[in-house]
Amino acid sequence: MQGAAESVEHRIIVPRLAIGYFAGLRAAEIDKLTWQDVKFDAGIIAVSERIAKNHIPRPVKISPNLRQWLEPYKGKTGSISLGYAAFRIHVREVMKKAGVPWVPNAMRHTFATHHYAFYQSADLTAKELGHMGSYRLLHRNYANSGITKSEAAGYWAITPAGISVEPVSLIVTDRDTVVTTGSKQENDKEAENVA
């Protein structure tokens, strides 16, 4: 995303990339989002039944790093996305400059893999993704990724300024999220106490 942010003409896709990578919304859901759906004060993206694939509303947490990506756009109105066709034109140019291929659904799958590895909770990851019913797909695609909890913590530290020195960890207790900003060692110890 850093490459996208460097070009003024491509900055328009940064919110879509950030929401895809750090909130895990489906491409079609992002296309329907407006800035009014991003509830900065509540710390959620409100995926309404109008937006959700299965027409079941869900709140999706805004992680601390996602907040940093979206903060410059706070106060904007209207649609977040230009639509998928326009997005693809911009993202292909950015990916070409970066020398990496674009993989369909990569944002959502990357989110799910790192979310599952960090939280180690099928329930929580499924809730964020809006998955209903069986966890078979979730386990098959994300449980055995080989990504460690420590590596996943690094993913959640990716910010517009680069990798944060002190990664912010999200510690989950029951279904509530408590944000802590201690060192990685303190956060890992706290996470073990919660588990």
Protein backbone atom coordinates (compact mmCIF):
# COMPACT_ATOMS: atom_id res chain seq x y z
CA MET A 1 0.00 0.00 0.00
CA GLN A 2 2.96 2.28 0.55
CA GLY A 3 3.53 2.22 -3.23
CA ALA A 4 -0.09 3.20 -3.81
CA ALA A 5 0.20 6.09 -1.37
CA GLU A 6 3.28 7.50 -3.10
CA SER A 7 1.41 8.41 -6.28
CA VAL A 8 -1.22 11.13 -5.92
CA GLU A 9 -3.34 9.60 -8.67
CA HIS A 10 -3.39 6.24 -6.88
CA ARG A 11 -4.10 7.52 -3.36
CA ILE A 12 -7.78 7.14 -4.08
CA ILE A 13 -7.44 3.34 -3.72
CA VAL A 14 -5.70 3.43 -0.32
CA PRO A 15 -8.92 3.27 1.75
CA ARG A 16 -10.16 0.30 -0.27
CA LEU A 17 -6.84 -1.51 0.11
CA ALA A 18 -6.67 -0.74 3.83
CA ILE A 19 -10.22 -1.93 4.48
CA GLY A 20 -9.63 -5.06 2.41
CA TYR A 21 -6.35 -5.96 4.12
CA PHE A 22 -7.11 -4.87 7.68
CA ALA A 23 -10.90 -5.34 7.98
CA GLY A 24 -11.32 -8.27 5.60
CA LEU A 25 -14.43 -7.03 3.84
CA ARG A 26 -15.42 -8.62 0.55
CA ALA A 27 -14.74 -6.58 -2.61
CA ALA A 28 -18.50 -6.25 -3.24
CA GLU A 29 -19.02 -5.05 0.33
CA ILE A 30 -16.31 -2.39 -0.01
CA ASP A 31 -17.94 -1.22 -3.25
CA LYS A 32 -21.16 -0.49 -1.32
CA LEU A 33 -19.50 1.22 1.66
CA THR A 34 -19.82 4.93 2.27
CA TRP A 35 -17.76 7.04 4.65
CA GLN A 36 -20.84 7.24 6.86
CA ASP A 37 -20.47 3.46 7.45
CA VAL A 38 -17.03 4.05 8.99
CA LYS A 39 -17.78 4.86 12.63
CA PHE A 40 -14.47 6.28 13.86
CA ASP A 41 -15.85 7.12 17.30
CA ALA A 42 -17.28 3.63 17.83
CA GLY A 43 -14.22 1.95 16.31
CA ILE A 44 -16.21 -0.07 13.78
CA ILE A 45 -17.19 -0.31 10.16
CA ALA A 46 -20.95 -0.86 10.12
CA VAL A 47 -21.62 -3.51 7.49
CA SER A 48 -25.39 -3.13 7.14
CA GLU A 49 -27.76 -5.64 5.57
CA ARG A 50 -27.62 -3.42 2.44
CA ILE A 51 -23.87 -4.08 2.25
CA ALA A 52 -23.40 -7.63 3.61
CA LYS A 53 -23.29 -10.53 1.16
CA ASN A 54 -25.69 -12.59 3.28
CA HIS A 55 -27.79 -9.51 4.23
CA ILE A 56 -26.98 -9.99 7.91
CA PRO A 57 -25.49 -6.82 9.42
CA ARG A 58 -22.25 -6.99 11.38
CA PRO A 59 -19.88 -4.55 13.03
CA VAL A 60 -16.26 -4.99 11.93
CA LYS A 61 -13.61 -3.69 14.32
CA ILE A 62 -11.30 -0.95 13.13
CA SER A 63 -7.87 -2.13 14.24
CA PRO A 64 -5.41 0.54 15.42
CA ASN A 65 -3.37 0.25 12.22
CA LEU A 66 -6.49 0.46 10.01
CA ARG A 67 -7.48 3.60 11.89
CA GLN A 68 -4.12 5.13 10.93
CA TRP A 69 -4.69 4.28 7.26
CA LEU A 70 -8.21 5.77 7.29
CA GLU A 71 -7.63 8.78 9.55
CA PRO A 72 -6.59 11.13 6.68
CA TYR A 73 -9.99 10.49 5.07
CA LYS A 74 -12.03 11.20 8.23
CA GLY A 75 -14.82 13.64 7.50
CA LYS A 76 -15.19 12.62 3.85
CA THR A 77 -18.64 11.77 2.57
CA GLY A 78 -19.98 9.58 -0.19
CA SER A 79 -18.67 6.30 -1.51
CA ILE A 80 -15.35 4.90 -0.33
CA SER A 81 -14.67 3.06 -3.57
CA LEU A 82 -14.61 4.07 -7.20
CA GLY A 83 -16.06 0.67 -7.99
CA TYR A 84 -14.24 -2.52 -8.82
CA ALA A 85 -13.43 -1.75 -12.48
CA ALA A 86 -11.76 1.59 -11.67
CA PHE A 87 -10.01 0.03 -8.66
CA ARG A 88 -8.54 -2.72 -10.86
CA ILE A 89 -7.10 -0.18 -13.29
CA HIS A 90 -5.32 1.65 -10.45
CA VAL A 91 -4.23 -1.45 -8.58
CA ARG A 92 -2.80 -3.10 -11.71
CA GLU A 93 -0.62 -0.03 -12.30
CA VAL A 94 0.53 -0.01 -8.68
CA MET A 95 1.23 -3.75 -8.64
CA LYS A 96 3.11 -3.51 -11.94
CA LYS A 97 5.31 -0.74 -10.50
CA ALA A 98 5.87 -2.85 -7.39
CA GLY A 99 6.68 -5.93 -9.50
CA VAL A 100 4.13 -8.18 -7.82
CA PRO A 101 1.07 -9.89 -9.26
CA TRP A 102 -2.48 -9.07 -8.17
CA VAL A 103 -4.26 -12.11 -6.75
CA PRO A 104 -8.08 -12.04 -6.60
CA ASN A 105 -9.39 -12.09 -3.01
CA ALA A 106 -5.84 -11.61 -1.69
CA MET A 107 -6.88 -8.81 0.68
CA ARG A 108 -9.64 -10.81 2.40
CA HIS A 109 -7.57 -13.99 2.54
CA THR A 110 -4.55 -12.13 3.94
CA PHE A 111 -6.73 -10.54 6.60
CA ALA A 112 -8.32 -13.87 7.56
CA THR A 113 -4.99 -15.70 7.70
CA HIS A 114 -3.37 -13.10 9.95
CA HIS A 115 -6.49 -12.56 12.08
CA TYR A 116 -6.82 -16.29 12.73
CA ALA A 117 -3.09 -16.68 13.46
CA PHE A 118 -3.10 -13.77 15.90
CA TYR A 119 -6.36 -14.42 17.76
CA GLN A 120 -6.40 -18.19 17.33
CA SER A 121 -10.18 -18.07 17.43
CA ALA A 122 -12.33 -19.46 14.64
CA ASP A 123 -15.38 -17.81 16.23
CA LEU A 124 -13.87 -14.33 16.26
CA THR A 125 -12.40 -14.58 12.75
CA ALA A 126 -15.68 -15.94 11.36
CA LYS A 127 -17.58 -13.10 13.04
CA GLU A 128 -15.33 -10.44 11.50
CA LEU A 129 -15.57 -12.08 8.06
CA GLY A 130 -19.34 -12.50 8.23
CA HIS A 131 -19.06 -16.27 7.77
CA MET A 132 -22.18 -18.12 8.78
CA GLY A 133 -22.54 -21.79 9.68
CA SER A 134 -19.68 -24.26 9.34
CA TYR A 135 -16.12 -23.39 10.23
CA ARG A 136 -14.77 -26.03 7.84
CA LEU A 137 -13.84 -23.45 5.19
CA LEU A 138 -12.24 -21.21 7.79
CA HIS A 139 -10.12 -24.03 9.22
CA ARG A 140 -9.19 -25.42 5.81
CA ASN A 141 -8.06 -22.08 4.41
CA TYR A 142 -6.55 -20.28 7.40
CA ALA A 143 -5.79 -22.56 10.37
CA ASN A 144 -2.68 -24.19 8.92
CA SER A 145 -1.10 -21.21 7.19
CA GLY A 146 2.21 -21.59 9.02
CA ILE A 147 2.05 -17.97 10.19
CA THR A 148 2.97 -17.61 13.85
CA LYS A 149 1.20 -15.37 16.32
CA SER A 150 4.33 -13.22 16.46
CA GLU A 151 4.40 -12.85 12.66
CA ALA A 152 0.69 -12.01 12.69
CA ALA A 153 1.36 -9.30 15.30
CA GLY A 154 3.79 -7.74 12.81
CA TYR A 155 1.02 -7.64 10.21
CA TRP A 156 -1.20 -5.64 12.57
CA ALA A 157 1.68 -3.17 13.02
CA ILE A 158 1.76 -2.15 9.34
CA THR A 159 0.96 1.56 9.21
CA PRO A 160 1.24 4.34 6.62
CA ALA A 161 4.53 5.35 8.26
CA GLY A 162 5.93 1.82 7.94
CA ILE A 163 6.23 -0.90 10.53
CA SER A 164 5.47 0.36 14.00
CA VAL A 165 8.33 -0.15 16.49
CA GLU A 166 5.91 -1.17 19.23
CA PRO A 167 3.22 -3.31 17.57
CA VAL A 168 -0.26 -2.69 18.90
CA SER A 169 -1.92 -5.88 19.99
CA LEU A 170 -5.62 -6.46 20.24
CA ILE A 171 -6.36 -8.73 23.17
CA VAL A 172 -9.76 -10.40 23.09
CA THR A 173 -11.65 -11.26 26.25
CA ASP A 174 -14.92 -13.03 25.59
CA ARG A 175 -16.32 -11.04 22.64
CA ASP A 176 -15.04 -7.63 23.72
CA THR A 177 -11.80 -6.19 22.45
CA VAL A 178 -9.31 -4.50 24.73
CA VAL A 179 -6.58 -2.50 23.01
CA THR A 180 -3.18 -2.56 24.63
CA THR A 181 -0.06 -0.77 23.46
CA GLY A 182 2.67 -2.37 25.52
CA SER A 183 5.71 -4.13 24.17
CA LYS A 184 5.23 -7.33 22.21
CA GLN A 185 6.45 -9.38 25.18
CA GLU A 186 3.95 -7.67 27.52
CA ASN A 187 1.13 -8.20 25.01
CA ASP A 188 2.01 -11.89 24.50
CA LYS A 189 2.05 -12.40 28.27
CA GLU A 190 -1.29 -10.59 28.61
CA ALA A 191 -2.77 -12.68 25.78
CA GLU A 192 -1.67 -15.89 27.54
CA ASN A 193 -3.39 -14.72 30.74
CA VAL A 194 -6.62 -14.11 28.81
CA ALA A 195 -6.55 -17.50 27.05
